[in-house]
PDB file of N, CA and C in Angstrom:
ATOM      1  N   MET A   1      -4.561   1.809 -16.010  1.00  0.00           N
ATOM      2  CA  MET A   1      -3.852   2.668 -15.496  1.00  0.00           C
ATOM      3  C   MET A   1      -2.720   2.889 -17.463  1.00  0.00           C
ATOM      4  N   ASP A   2      -2.813   2.264 -17.420  1.00  0.00           N
ATOM      5  CA  ASP A   2      -1.893   1.658 -18.827  1.00  0.00           C
ATOM      6  C   ASP A   2      -2.554   3.322 -20.007  1.00  0.00           C
ATOM      7  N   SER A   3      -4.089   3.351 -20.119  1.00  0.00           N
ATOM      8  CA  SER A   3      -4.486   4.350 -20.922  1.00  0.00           C
ATOM      9  C   SER A   3      -3.981   5.978 -20.820  1.00  0.00           C
ATOM     10  N   GLU A   4      -3.850   6.169 -19.510  1.00  0.00           N
ATOM     11  CA  GLU A   4      -3.065   7.233 -18.851  1.00  0.00           C
ATOM     12  C   GLU A   4      -2.556   7.664 -20.186  1.00  0.00           C
ATOM     13  N   PRO A   5      -1.888   8.872 -20.854  1.00  0.00           N
ATOM     14  CA  PRO A   5      -1.486   8.905 -21.551  1.00  0.00           C
ATOM     15  C   PRO A   5       0.245   9.070 -21.116  1.00  0.00           C
ATOM     16  N   GLY A   6       0.347   9.928 -19.562  1.00  0.00           N
ATOM     17  CA  GLY A   6       1.590  10.351 -18.739  1.00  0.00           C
ATOM     18  C   GLY A   6       2.103   8.901 -18.548  1.00  0.00           C
ATOM     19  N   LEU A   7       1.347   7.985 -17.795  1.00  0.00           N
ATOM     20  CA  LEU A   7       1.758   6.824 -17.189  1.00  0.00           C
ATOM     21  C   LEU A   7       2.743   6.427 -18.176  1.00  0.00           C
ATOM     22  N   MET A   8       2.196   6.309 -19.460  1.00  0.00           N
ATOM     23  CA  MET A   8       2.570   5.097 -20.237  1.00  0.00           C
ATOM     24  C   MET A   8       3.997   4.915 -20.081  1.00  0.00           C
ATOM     25  N   MET A   9       5.085   5.994 -20.369  1.00  0.00           N
ATOM     26  CA  MET A   9       6.563   6.209 -20.290  1.00  0.00           C
ATOM     27  C   MET A   9       6.852   6.054 -18.345  1.00  0.00           C
ATOM     28  N   ILE A  10       6.331   5.655 -18.293  1.00  0.00           N
ATOM     29  CA  ILE A  10       7.077   5.315 -16.128  1.00  0.00           C
ATOM     30  C   ILE A  10       6.967   4.364 -16.364  1.00  0.00           C
ATOM     31  N   ASP A  11       8.210   3.545 -16.217  1.00  0.00           N
ATOM     32  CA  ASP A  11       8.731   2.693 -15.596  1.00  0.00           C
ATOM     33  C   ASP A  11       7.672   1.611 -14.373  1.00  0.00           C
ATOM     34  N   PHE A  12       7.657   0.169 -14.085  1.00  0.00           N
ATOM     35  CA  PHE A  12       6.691  -0.339 -13.353  1.00  0.00           C
ATOM     36  C   PHE A  12       6.822  -0.028 -12.053  1.00  0.00           C
ATOM     37  N   PRO A  13       7.957   0.202 -11.361  1.00  0.00           N
ATOM     38  CA  PRO A  13       8.339   1.244 -10.210  1.00  0.00           C
ATOM     39  C   PRO A  13       8.195   1.394  -9.535  1.00  0.00           C
ATOM     40  N   ASN A  14       8.330   3.231 -11.021  1.00  0.00           N
ATOM     41  CA  ASN A  14       8.017   4.445 -10.017  1.00  0.00           C
ATOM     42  C   ASN A  14       6.677   4.260 -10.086  1.00  0.00           C
ATOM     43  N   HIS A  15       6.349   3.717 -11.331  1.00  0.00           N
ATOM     44  CA  HIS A  15       4.638   3.654 -10.946  1.00  0.00           C
ATOM     45  C   HIS A  15       3.857   3.192  -9.564  1.00  0.00           C
ATOM     46  N   LEU A  16       4.526   2.364  -9.667  1.00  0.00           N
ATOM     47  CA  LEU A  16       4.646   1.574  -7.959  1.00  0.00           C
ATOM     48  C   LEU A  16       4.358   2.874  -7.109  1.00  0.00           C
ATOM     49  N   ARG A  17       5.339   3.212  -6.898  1.00  0.00           N
ATOM     50  CA  ARG A  17       5.571   4.232  -6.030  1.00  0.00           C
ATOM     51  C   ARG A  17       4.808   5.425  -6.255  1.00  0.00           C
ATOM     52  N   ILE A  18       4.248   5.971  -7.580  1.00  0.00           N
ATOM     53  CA  ILE A  18       3.561   7.278  -7.573  1.00  0.00           C
ATOM     54  C   ILE A  18       2.063   7.066  -7.391  1.00  0.00           C
ATOM     55  N   TYR A  19       1.718   5.391  -7.564  1.00  0.00           N
ATOM     56  CA  TYR A  19       0.076   5.015  -7.234  1.00  0.00           C
ATOM     57  C   TYR A  19       0.109   4.773  -5.392  1.00  0.00           C
ATOM     58  N   GLY A  20       1.653   4.340  -4.831  1.00  0.00           N
ATOM     59  CA  GLY A  20       1.234   4.758  -3.288  1.00  0.00           C
ATOM     60  C   GLY A  20       1.470   5.809  -2.821  1.00  0.00           C
ATOM     61  N   THR A  21       2.043   6.979  -3.527  1.00  0.00           N
ATOM     62  CA  THR A  21       2.344   7.777  -2.548  1.00  0.00           C
ATOM     63  C   THR A  21       0.929   8.788  -2.957  1.00  0.00           C
ATOM     64  N   ILE A  22       0.468   9.072  -4.663  1.00  0.00           N
ATOM     65  CA  ILE A  22      -1.060   9.707  -4.768  1.00  0.00           C
ATOM     66  C   ILE A  22      -1.805   8.710  -3.541  1.00  0.00           C
ATOM     67  N   ALA A  23      -2.129   7.542  -2.877  1.00  0.00           N
ATOM     68  CA  ALA A  23      -3.267   6.961  -1.921  1.00  0.00           C
ATOM     69  C   ALA A  23      -2.468   8.219  -0.867  1.00  0.00           C
ATOM     70  N   GLU A  24      -1.598   7.971  -0.242  1.00  0.00           N
ATOM     71  CA  GLU A  24      -1.451   8.515   1.152  1.00  0.00           C
ATOM     72  C   GLU A  24      -1.437  10.221   0.989  1.00  0.00           C
ATOM     73  N   ILE A  25      -1.303  10.588   0.055  1.00  0.00           N
ATOM     74  CA  ILE A  25      -1.477  11.806  -0.595  1.00  0.00           C
ATOM     75  C   ILE A  25      -3.350  12.360  -0.005  1.00  0.00           C
ATOM     76  N   PHE A  26      -4.318  11.180  -0.952  1.00  0.00           N
ATOM     77  CA  PHE A  26      -5.814  10.978  -0.908  1.00  0.00           C
ATOM     78  C   PHE A  26      -6.027  10.559   0.643  1.00  0.00           C
ATOM     79  N   CYS A  27      -5.198   9.635   1.381  1.00  0.00           N
ATOM     80  CA  CYS A  27      -5.378   9.595   3.078  1.00  0.00           C
ATOM     81  C   CYS A  27      -5.131  10.500   3.492  1.00  0.00           C
ATOM     82  N   ALA A  28      -4.639  11.291   3.749  1.00  0.00           N
ATOM     83  CA  ALA A  28      -3.879  12.561   4.518  1.00  0.00           C
ATOM     84  C   ALA A  28      -4.971  13.652   4.497  1.00  0.00           C
ATOM     85  N   LEU A  29      -5.889  13.766   3.052  1.00  0.00           N
ATOM     86  CA  LEU A  29      -6.710  14.721   2.889  1.00  0.00           C
ATOM     87  C   LEU A  29      -8.196  14.116   3.685  1.00  0.00           C
ATOM     88  N   GLY A  30      -8.518  12.680   4.122  1.00  0.00           N
ATOM     89  CA  GLY A  30      -9.318  12.462   4.054  1.00  0.00           C
ATOM     90  C   GLY A  30     -10.556  12.143   2.661  1.00  0.00           C
ATOM     91  N   ALA A  31      -9.604  11.381   1.872  1.00  0.00           N
ATOM     92  CA  ALA A  31     -10.939  10.944   0.517  1.00  0.00           C
ATOM     93  C   ALA A  31     -10.244   9.750   0.576  1.00  0.00           C
ATOM     94  N   TYR A  32     -10.736   8.808   1.757  1.00  0.00           N
ATOM     95  CA  TYR A  32     -10.341   7.449   1.777  1.00  0.00           C
ATOM     96  C   TYR A  32     -10.913   6.554   0.261  1.00  0.00           C
ATOM     97  N   PRO A  33     -11.600   7.203  -0.088  1.00  0.00           N
ATOM     98  CA  PRO A  33     -11.802   5.882  -1.289  1.00  0.00           C
ATOM     99  C   PRO A  33     -11.288   6.173  -2.559  1.00  0.00           C
ATOM    100  N   THR A  34     -11.472   7.545  -2.620  1.00  0.00           N
ATOM    101  CA  THR A  34     -10.181   7.880  -3.744  1.00  0.00           C
ATOM    102  C   THR A  34      -8.588   6.968  -3.320  1.00  0.00           C
ATOM    103  N   ALA A  35      -8.077   7.048  -2.151  1.00  0.00           N
ATOM    104  CA  ALA A  35      -7.221   6.563  -1.419  1.00  0.00           C
ATOM    105  C   ALA A  35      -6.742   5.287  -2.128  1.00  0.00           C
ATOM    106  N   ARG A  36      -7.975   4.599  -1.095  1.00  0.00           N
ATOM    107  CA  ARG A  36      -7.947   3.156  -1.620  1.00  0.00           C
ATOM    108  C   ARG A  36      -8.070   1.959  -2.687  1.00  0.00           C
ATOM    109  N   ARG A  37      -8.763   3.603  -3.763  1.00  0.00           N
ATOM    110  CA  ARG A  37      -8.721   3.133  -5.600  1.00  0.00           C
ATOM    111  C   ARG A  37      -7.052   2.736  -5.904  1.00  0.00           C
ATOM    112  N   TYR A  38      -6.495   4.467  -5.490  1.00  0.00           N
ATOM    113  CA  TYR A  38      -5.705   3.839  -6.098  1.00  0.00           C
ATOM    114  C   TYR A  38      -4.338   2.838  -5.782  1.00  0.00           C
ATOM    115  N   VAL A  39      -4.528   2.856  -3.957  1.00  0.00           N
ATOM    116  CA  VAL A  39      -3.456   2.103  -3.874  1.00  0.00           C
ATOM    117  C   VAL A  39      -3.816   0.243  -4.161  1.00  0.00           C
ATOM    118  N   LYS A  40      -5.291   0.176  -4.692  1.00  0.00           N
ATOM    119  CA  LYS A  40      -5.988  -1.527  -4.676  1.00  0.00           C
ATOM    120  C   LYS A  40      -4.783  -1.804  -6.233  1.00  0.00           C
ATOM    121  N   GLU A  41      -5.359  -0.367  -7.187  1.00  0.00           N
ATOM    122  CA  GLU A  41      -4.315  -0.238  -8.392  1.00  0.00           C
ATOM    123  C   GLU A  41      -3.336  -1.034  -8.283  1.00  0.00           C
ATOM    124  N   ALA A  42      -2.923   0.006  -7.758  1.00  0.00           N
ATOM    125  CA  ALA A  42      -1.295  -1.046  -8.082  1.00  0.00           C
ATOM    126  C   ALA A  42      -1.019  -1.851  -7.322  1.00  0.00           C
ATOM    127  N   ILE A  43      -1.737  -2.232  -6.375  1.00  0.00           N
ATOM    128  CA  ILE A  43      -1.393  -3.878  -5.855  1.00  0.00           C
ATOM    129  C   ILE A  43      -2.080  -4.545  -6.942  1.00  0.00           C
ATOM    130  N   GLN A  44      -3.033  -4.332  -7.685  1.00  0.00           N
ATOM    131  CA  GLN A  44      -3.343  -5.613  -8.769  1.00  0.00           C
ATOM    132  C   GLN A  44      -2.522  -5.616  -9.666  1.00  0.00           C
ATOM    133  N   ASP A  45      -1.675  -4.501  -9.736  1.00  0.00           N
ATOM    134  CA  ASP A  45      -0.840  -4.007 -10.986  1.00  0.00           C
ATOM    135  C   ASP A  45       0.176  -5.791 -10.788  1.00  0.00           C
ATOM    136  N   ALA A  46       1.018  -5.396  -9.283  1.00  0.00           N
ATOM    137  CA  ALA A  46       2.208  -5.774  -8.747  1.00  0.00           C
ATOM    138  C   ALA A  46       1.565  -7.024  -8.835  1.00  0.00           C
ATOM    139  N   LEU A  47       0.112  -7.486  -8.283  1.00  0.00           N
ATOM    140  CA  LEU A  47      -0.028  -8.897  -8.806  1.00  0.00           C
ATOM    141  C   LEU A  47      -0.370  -9.368 -10.341  1.00  0.00           C
ATOM    142  N   ASP A  48      -0.906  -9.039 -11.128  1.00  0.00           N
ATOM    143  CA  ASP A  48      -0.781  -9.263 -12.604  1.00  0.00           C
ATOM    144  C   ASP A  48       0.547  -9.812 -13.335  1.00  0.00           C
ATOM    145  N   LYS A  49       1.151  -8.957 -12.645  1.00  0.00           N
ATOM    146  CA  LYS A  49       3.105  -8.756 -13.156  1.00  0.00           C
ATOM    147  C   LYS A  49       4.139 -10.527 -11.972  1.00  0.00           C
ATOM    148  N   HIS A  50       3.078 -10.894 -11.040  1.00  0.00           N
ATOM    149  CA  HIS A  50       3.589 -11.583 -10.730  1.00  0.00           C
ATOM    150  C   HIS A  50       4.542 -11.025  -9.434  1.00  0.00           C
ATOM    151  N   SER A  51       5.236  -9.735  -9.665  1.00  0.00           N
ATOM    152  CA  SER A  51       6.303  -9.032  -8.599  1.00  0.00           C
ATOM    153  C   SER A  51       5.497  -8.588  -6.994  1.00  0.00           C
ATOM    154  N   LEU A  52       6.267  -8.925  -6.029  1.00  0.00           N
ATOM    155  CA  LEU A  52       6.585  -8.573  -4.876  1.00  0.00           C
ATOM    156  C   LEU A  52       7.087  -7.025  -4.808  1.00  0.00           C
ATOM    157  N   TYR A  53       6.995  -6.828  -5.480  1.00  0.00           N
ATOM    158  CA  TYR A  53       7.812  -5.692  -5.536  1.00  0.00           C
ATOM    159  C   TYR A  53       7.113  -4.245  -4.830  1.00  0.00           C
ATOM    160  N   LEU A  54       7.683  -3.858  -3.883  1.00  0.00           N
ATOM    161  CA  LEU A  54       6.677  -2.061  -3.036  1.00  0.00           C
ATOM    162  C   LEU A  54       5.559  -3.385  -2.667  1.00  0.00           C
ATOM    163  N   LEU A  55       4.701  -4.105  -2.205  1.00  0.00           N
ATOM    164  CA  LEU A  55       4.393  -4.606  -2.411  1.00  0.00           C
ATOM    165  C   LEU A  55       3.210  -4.503  -0.947  1.00  0.00           C
ATOM    166  N   ASP A  56       4.872  -4.642   0.129  1.00  0.00           N
ATOM    167  CA  ASP A  56       4.431  -4.801   1.571  1.00  0.00           C
ATOM    168  C   ASP A  56       4.156  -2.847   2.030  1.00  0.00           C
ATOM    169  N   TYR A  57       4.937  -2.266   0.632  1.00  0.00           N
ATOM    170  CA  TYR A  57       4.379  -0.663   1.503  1.00  0.00           C
ATOM    171  C   TYR A  57       3.248  -0.661   0.692  1.00  0.00           C
ATOM    172  N   LEU A  58       2.429  -1.211  -0.305  1.00  0.00           N
ATOM    173  CA  LEU A  58       1.352  -0.662  -0.557  1.00  0.00           C
ATOM    174  C   LEU A  58       0.307  -1.334   0.720  1.00  0.00           C
ATOM    175  N   TYR A  59       0.540  -3.064   0.799  1.00  0.00           N
ATOM    176  CA  TYR A  59      -0.036  -3.113   1.868  1.00  0.00           C
ATOM    177  C   TYR A  59      -0.186  -2.028   2.972  1.00  0.00           C
ATOM    178  N   PHE A  60       0.900  -1.616   3.786  1.00  0.00           N
ATOM    179  CA  PHE A  60       1.217  -0.882   4.970  1.00  0.00           C
ATOM    180  C   PHE A  60      -0.217   0.516   4.418  1.00  0.00           C
ATOM    181  N   VAL A  61      -0.003   0.644   3.233  1.00  0.00           N
ATOM    182  CA  VAL A  61      -0.321   2.315   2.747  1.00  0.00           C
ATOM    183  C   VAL A  61      -2.025   1.724   3.214  1.00  0.00           C
ATOM    184  N   LEU A  62      -2.754   0.224   2.494  1.00  0.00           N
ATOM    185  CA  LEU A  62      -4.173   0.208   2.982  1.00  0.00           C
ATOM    186  C   LEU A  62      -4.200  -0.045   3.953  1.00  0.00           C
ATOM    187  N   GLY A  63      -3.326  -0.564   5.023  1.00  0.00           N
ATOM    188  CA  GLY A  63      -3.933  -0.851   6.961  1.00  0.00           C
ATOM    189  C   GLY A  63      -4.168   0.873   7.083  1.00  0.00           C
ATOM    190  N   GLN A  64      -2.781   1.604   6.678  1.00  0.00           N
ATOM    191  CA  GLN A  64      -3.428   3.243   7.164  1.00  0.00           C
ATOM    192  C   GLN A  64      -5.064   3.649   7.078  1.00  0.00           C
ATOM    193  N   ILE A  65      -5.098   3.567   5.106  1.00  0.00           N
ATOM    194  CA  ILE A  65      -6.282   3.701   4.883  1.00  0.00           C
ATOM    195  C   ILE A  65      -7.149   3.297   6.430  1.00  0.00           C
ATOM    196  N   GLU A  66      -6.980   2.116   5.944  1.00  0.00           N
ATOM    197  CA  GLU A  66      -8.470   1.492   6.987  1.00  0.00           C
ATOM    198  C   GLU A  66      -8.081   1.931   8.269  1.00  0.00           C
ATOM    199  N   VAL A  67      -7.045   2.504   8.808  1.00  0.00           N
ATOM    200  CA  VAL A  67      -6.995   2.764  10.277  1.00  0.00           C
ATOM    201  C   VAL A  67      -7.788   3.934  10.322  1.00  0.00           C
ATOM    202  N   GLN A  68      -7.557   5.048   9.351  1.00  0.00           N
ATOM    203  CA  GLN A  68      -8.452   6.582   9.473  1.00  0.00           C
ATOM    204  C   GLN A  68      -9.883   6.169   8.842  1.00  0.00           C
ATOM    205  N   ARG A  69     -10.077   4.922   8.475  1.00  0.00           N
ATOM    206  CA  ARG A  69     -10.900   4.802   8.315  1.00  0.00           C
ATOM    207  C   ARG A  69     -11.856   3.852   9.048  1.00  0.00           C
ATOM    208  N   GLU A  70     -11.160   3.575  10.722  1.00  0.00           N
ATOM    209  CA  GLU A  70     -11.724   3.053  11.609  1.00  0.00           C
ATOM    210  C   GLU A  70     -12.521   1.831  11.455  1.00  0.00           C
ATOM    211  N   ASN A  71     -11.261   1.217  10.246  1.00  0.00           N
ATOM    212  CA  ASN A  71     -11.872  -0.402  10.196  1.00  0.00           C
ATOM    213  C   ASN A  71     -10.717  -0.892  10.936  1.00  0.00           C
ATOM    214  N   ASP A  72     -10.236  -0.721  12.116  1.00  0.00           N
ATOM    215  CA  ASP A  72      -9.410  -1.859  12.861  1.00  0.00           C
ATOM    216  C   ASP A  72      -8.440  -3.682  11.717  1.00  0.00           C
ATOM    217  N   GLN A  73     -10.376  -4.292  11.992  1.00  0.00           N
ATOM    218  CA  GLN A  73      -9.630  -5.145  11.500  1.00  0.00           C
ATOM    219  C   GLN A  73      -9.968  -5.232  10.304  1.00  0.00           C
ATOM    220  N   LYS A  74      -9.672  -5.241   9.505  1.00  0.00           N
ATOM    221  CA  LYS A  74      -9.398  -4.495   8.038  1.00  0.00           C
ATOM    222  C   LYS A  74      -7.818  -4.423   8.038  1.00  0.00           C
ATOM    223  N   ALA A  75      -7.294  -3.435   8.837  1.00  0.00           N
ATOM    224  CA  ALA A  75      -6.390  -2.376   8.599  1.00  0.00           C
ATOM    225  C   ALA A  75      -5.221  -3.902   9.768  1.00  0.00           C
ATOM    226  N   LEU A  76      -6.093  -4.555  10.339  1.00  0.00           N
ATOM    227  CA  LEU A  76      -4.825  -5.707  11.186  1.00  0.00           C
ATOM    228  C   LEU A  76      -4.025  -6.745  10.207  1.00  0.00           C
ATOM    229  N   GLN A  77      -5.618  -6.816   9.182  1.00  0.00           N
ATOM    230  CA  GLN A  77      -5.222  -7.795   8.430  1.00  0.00           C
ATOM    231  C   GLN A  77      -4.193  -7.126   7.526  1.00  0.00           C
ATOM    232  N   HIS A  78      -4.643  -6.102   6.592  1.00  0.00           N
ATOM    233  CA  HIS A  78      -2.978  -5.471   5.478  1.00  0.00           C
ATOM    234  C   HIS A  78      -1.819  -5.061   6.449  1.00  0.00           C
ATOM    235  N   PHE A  79      -1.883  -5.210   7.411  1.00  0.00           N
ATOM    236  CA  PHE A  79      -0.069  -5.082   8.258  1.00  0.00           C
ATOM    237  C   PHE A  79       0.189  -6.015   8.414  1.00  0.00           C
ATOM    238  N   HIS A  80      -0.389  -6.981   8.569  1.00  0.00           N
ATOM    239  CA  HIS A  80      -0.326  -8.261   8.802  1.00  0.00           C
ATOM    240  C   HIS A  80       0.751  -8.968   7.853  1.00  0.00           C
ATOM    241  N   VAL A  81      -0.092  -8.458   6.598  1.00  0.00           N
ATOM    242  CA  VAL A  81       0.759  -9.253   5.091  1.00  0.00           C
ATOM    243  C   VAL A  81       1.656  -8.530   4.897  1.00  0.00           C
ATOM    244  N   ALA A  82       0.907  -7.345   4.918  1.00  0.00           N
ATOM    245  CA  ALA A  82       2.943  -5.884   4.921  1.00  0.00           C
ATOM    246  C   ALA A  82       3.721  -6.521   5.726  1.00  0.00           C
ATOM    247  N   GLN A  83       3.062  -7.011   6.808  1.00  0.00           N
ATOM    248  CA  GLN A  83       3.962  -7.853   8.004  1.00  0.00           C
ATOM    249  C   GLN A  83       5.046  -9.111   7.210  1.00  0.00           C
ATOM    250  N   THR A  84       4.770  -9.869   6.658  1.00  0.00           N
ATOM    251  CA  THR A  84       4.730 -10.884   6.749  1.00  0.00           C
ATOM    252  C   THR A  84       5.741 -10.463   4.644  1.00  0.00           C
ATOM    253  N   LEU A  85       5.357  -9.557   4.016  1.00  0.00           N
ATOM    254  CA  LEU A  85       6.404  -9.382   2.995  1.00  0.00           C
ATOM    255  C   LEU A  85       7.550  -8.775   3.293  1.00  0.00           C
ATOM    256  N   ALA A  86       7.116  -7.893   4.108  1.00  0.00           N
ATOM    257  CA  ALA A  86       8.617  -7.008   4.737  1.00  0.00           C
ATOM    258  C   ALA A  86       9.805  -8.421   5.107  1.00  0.00           C
ATOM    259  N   GLN A  87       9.303  -9.119   5.374  1.00  0.00           N
ATOM    260  CA  GLN A  87       9.688 -10.154   6.221  1.00  0.00           C
ATOM    261  C   GLN A  87      10.566 -11.103   4.895  1.00  0.00           C
ATOM    262  N   ILE A  88       9.759 -10.424   4.225  1.00  0.00           N
ATOM    263  CA  ILE A  88       9.885 -11.748   2.405  1.00  0.00           C
ATOM    264  C   ILE A  88      10.808 -10.617   1.422  1.00  0.00           C
ATOM    265  N   ARG A  89      10.588  -9.648   1.814  1.00  0.00           N
ATOM    266  CA  ARG A  89      11.784  -8.091   0.850  1.00  0.00           C
ATOM    267  C   ARG A  89      13.123  -7.814   1.929  1.00  0.00           C
ATOM    268  N   LYS A  90      12.764  -8.157   3.407  1.00  0.00           N
ATOM    269  CA  LYS A  90      14.019  -7.696   3.866  1.00  0.00           C
ATOM    270  C   LYS A  90      13.764  -6.356   3.768  1.00  0.00           C
ATOM    271  N   HIS A  91      12.912  -6.046   4.362  1.00  0.00           N
ATOM    272  CA  HIS A  91      12.951  -4.498   4.314  1.00  0.00           C
ATOM    273  C   HIS A  91      12.271  -4.229   5.299  1.00  0.00           C
ATOM    274  N   PRO A  92      13.390  -4.025   6.601  1.00  0.00           N
ATOM    275  CA  PRO A  92      12.821  -3.743   8.031  1.00  0.00           C
ATOM    276  C   PRO A  92      12.077  -2.367   8.287  1.00  0.00           C
ATOM    277  N   LEU A  93      12.397  -1.517   7.838  1.00  0.00           N
ATOM    278  CA  LEU A  93      12.051  -0.016   8.035  1.00  0.00           C
ATOM    279  C   LEU A  93      10.073  -0.556   7.210  1.00  0.00           C
ATOM    280  N   ILE A  94       9.961  -0.693   6.456  1.00  0.00           N
ATOM    281  CA  ILE A  94       7.921  -1.152   7.125  1.00  0.00           C
ATOM    282  C   ILE A  94       8.290  -2.732   7.197  1.00  0.00           C
ATOM    283  N   LEU A  95       8.760  -3.379   7.553  1.00  0.00           N
ATOM    284  CA  LEU A  95       8.789  -4.382   8.939  1.00  0.00           C
ATOM    285  C   LEU A  95       8.330  -3.553   9.871  1.00  0.00           C
ATOM    286  N   THR A  96       9.236  -3.533  10.392  1.00  0.00           N
ATOM    287  CA  THR A  96       8.823  -1.958  12.406  1.00  0.00           C
ATOM    288  C   THR A  96       7.889  -1.604  12.069  1.00  0.00           C
ATOM    289  N   GLN A  97       7.805  -1.037  11.022  1.00  0.00           N
ATOM    290  CA  GLN A  97       6.039  -0.048  10.685  1.00  0.00           C
ATOM    291  C   GLN A  97       5.124  -0.520  11.287  1.00  0.00           C
ATOM    292  N   ALA A  98       5.327  -2.246  10.384  1.00  0.00           N
ATOM    293  CA  ALA A  98       3.865  -3.112  10.341  1.00  0.00           C
ATOM    294  C   ALA A  98       3.399  -3.058  11.721  1.00  0.00           C
ATOM    295  N   ASN A  99       4.572  -3.531  12.623  1.00  0.00           N
ATOM    296  CA  ASN A  99       4.773  -4.235  13.835  1.00  0.00           C
ATOM    297  C   ASN A  99       4.278  -3.625  15.147  1.00  0.00           C
ATOM    298  N   ALA A 100       4.427  -1.896  14.659  1.00  0.00           N
ATOM    299  CA  ALA A 100       4.350  -1.057  16.005  1.00  0.00           C
ATOM    300  C   ALA A 100       2.705  -0.709  15.485  1.00  0.00           C
ATOM    301  N   GLN A 101       1.776  -0.673  14.169  1.00  0.00           N
ATOM    302  CA  GLN A 101       0.707  -0.984  14.016  1.00  0.00           C
ATOM    303  C   GLN A 101       0.099  -2.192  14.712  1.00  0.00           C
ATOM    304  N   ILE A 102       0.399  -3.198  14.161  1.00  0.00           N
ATOM    305  CA  ILE A 102      -0.261  -3.939  15.075  1.00  0.00           C
ATOM    306  C   ILE A 102      -0.156  -4.406  16.052  1.00  0.00           C
ATOM    307  N   GLN A 103       1.134  -3.712  17.215  1.00  0.00           N
ATOM    308  CA  GLN A 103       0.850  -3.859  18.338  1.00  0.00           C
ATOM    309  C   GLN A 103       0.012  -2.616  18.316  1.00  0.00           C
ATOM    310  N   LYS A 104      -0.596  -1.728  18.324  1.00  0.00           N
ATOM    311  CA  LYS A 104      -1.256  -0.666  18.459  1.00  0.00           C
ATOM    312  C   LYS A 104      -2.806  -1.226  18.448  1.00  0.00           C
ATOM    313  N   LEU A 105      -3.146  -1.855  17.285  1.00  0.00           N
ATOM    314  CA  LEU A 105      -4.123  -2.148  17.263  1.00  0.00           C
ATOM    315  C   LEU A 105      -4.528  -3.362  17.905  1.00  0.00           C
ATOM    316  N   ALA A 106      -3.400  -4.301  18.676  1.00  0.00           N
ATOM    317  CA  ALA A 106      -4.287  -5.493  19.288  1.00  0.00           C
ATOM    318  C   ALA A 106      -4.316  -5.588  20.340  1.00  0.00           C
TER     319      ALA A 106
END
Protein backbone atom coordinates (compact mmCIF):
# COMPACT_ATOMS: atom_id res chain seq x y z
CA MET A 1 0.00 0.00 0.00
CA ASP A 2 2.86 2.37 0.70
CA SER A 3 3.84 2.10 -2.96
CA GLU A 4 0.74 4.08 -3.93
CA PRO A 5 1.92 7.69 -4.32
CA GLY A 6 -1.24 9.28 -2.92
CA LEU A 7 -1.30 7.10 0.16
CA MET A 8 2.24 7.82 1.29
CA MET A 9 1.19 11.08 2.91
CA ILE A 10 -1.89 9.71 4.70
CA ASP A 11 -1.41 9.00 8.38
CA PHE A 12 -1.99 5.50 9.71
CA PRO A 13 -5.44 6.02 11.33
CA ASN A 14 -6.81 7.64 8.18
CA HIS A 15 -5.22 4.93 6.07
CA LEU A 16 -7.17 2.27 7.99
CA ARG A 17 -10.41 4.28 7.85
CA ILE A 18 -10.07 4.81 4.11
CA TYR A 19 -9.43 1.13 3.39
CA GLY A 20 -12.33 0.10 5.64
CA THR A 21 -14.63 2.54 3.87
CA ILE A 22 -13.44 1.38 0.46
CA ALA A 23 -14.19 -2.20 1.52
CA GLU A 24 -17.70 -1.19 2.61
CA ILE A 25 -18.32 0.52 -0.73
CA PHE A 26 -17.14 -2.48 -2.75
CA CYS A 27 -19.28 -4.75 -0.55
CA ALA A 28 -22.33 -2.57 -1.23
CA LEU A 29 -21.56 -2.83 -4.95
CA GLY A 30 -21.36 -6.62 -4.72
CA ALA A 31 -17.62 -6.72 -5.48
CA TYR A 32 -16.89 -9.01 -2.53
CA PRO A 33 -13.39 -10.20 -3.51
CA THR A 34 -12.23 -6.60 -3.89
CA ALA A 35 -13.92 -5.63 -0.62
CA ARG A 36 -12.20 -8.52 1.17
CA ARG A 37 -8.84 -7.56 -0.31
CA TYR A 38 -9.05 -3.98 0.98
CA VAL A 39 -10.21 -4.89 4.47
CA LYS A 40 -7.67 -7.71 4.80
CA GLU A 41 -4.87 -5.36 3.73
CA ALA A 42 -5.95 -2.88 6.40
CA ILE A 43 -6.11 -5.64 9.03
CA GLN A 44 -2.66 -6.87 8.06
CA ASP A 45 -1.26 -3.34 8.23
CA ALA A 46 -2.70 -2.89 11.73
CA LEU A 47 -1.28 -6.24 12.82
CA ASP A 48 2.12 -5.40 11.29
CA LYS A 49 2.18 -2.21 13.37
CA HIS A 50 0.97 -4.10 16.49
CA SER A 51 -2.01 -1.77 16.63
CA LEU A 52 -5.54 -2.48 17.80
CA TYR A 53 -6.71 0.78 16.26
CA LEU A 54 -9.92 0.19 14.27
CA LEU A 55 -9.40 -3.59 14.24
CA ASP A 56 -12.86 -4.06 15.76
CA TYR A 57 -14.38 -2.02 12.92
CA LEU A 58 -12.31 -3.82 10.27
CA TYR A 59 -13.31 -7.27 11.52
CA PHE A 60 -16.92 -6.11 11.63
CA VAL A 61 -16.67 -5.05 7.98
CA LEU A 62 -15.11 -8.42 7.15
CA GLY A 63 -18.06 -10.10 8.88
CA GLN A 64 -20.50 -8.02 6.83
CA ILE A 65 -18.76 -9.07 3.64
CA GLU A 66 -19.06 -12.75 4.62
CA VAL A 67 -22.77 -12.27 5.39
CA GLN A 68 -23.24 -10.93 1.86
CA ARG A 69 -21.30 -13.90 0.50
CA GLU A 70 -23.66 -16.14 2.51
CA ASN A 71 -20.78 -17.59 4.50
CA ASP A 72 -22.42 -17.40 7.92
CA GLN A 73 -19.78 -19.48 9.71
CA LYS A 74 -16.93 -17.14 8.69
CA ALA A 75 -19.14 -14.13 9.36
CA LEU A 76 -19.77 -15.36 12.91
CA GLN A 77 -16.04 -15.81 13.49
CA HIS A 78 -15.31 -12.28 12.32
CA PHE A 79 -18.17 -10.80 14.37
CA HIS A 80 -16.86 -12.59 17.48
CA VAL A 81 -13.41 -11.11 16.88
CA ALA A 82 -14.99 -7.67 16.37
CA GLN A 83 -17.01 -8.13 19.57
CA THR A 84 -13.93 -9.05 21.62
CA LEU A 85 -11.87 -6.19 20.21
CA ALA A 86 -14.73 -3.73 20.77
CA GLN A 87 -14.83 -4.78 24.43
CA ILE A 88 -11.09 -4.25 24.75
CA ARG A 89 -11.20 -0.90 22.94
CA LYS A 90 -14.38 0.15 24.77
CA HIS A 91 -16.15 0.86 21.49
CA PRO A 92 -19.89 0.53 22.31
CA LEU A 93 -21.20 1.09 18.77
CA ILE A 94 -19.23 -1.77 17.23
CA LEU A 95 -19.98 -3.92 20.28
CA THR A 96 -23.72 -3.36 19.88
CA GLN A 97 -23.61 -3.99 16.14
CA ALA A 98 -21.46 -7.13 16.49
CA ASN A 99 -23.77 -8.50 19.20
CA ALA A 100 -26.80 -7.92 16.97
CA GLN A 101 -25.16 -9.71 14.05
CA ILE A 102 -24.10 -12.63 16.25
CA GLN A 103 -27.65 -13.02 17.58
CA LYS A 104 -29.04 -12.84 14.04
CA LEU A 105 -26.68 -15.56 12.78
CA ALA A 106 -26.73 -17.85 15.81
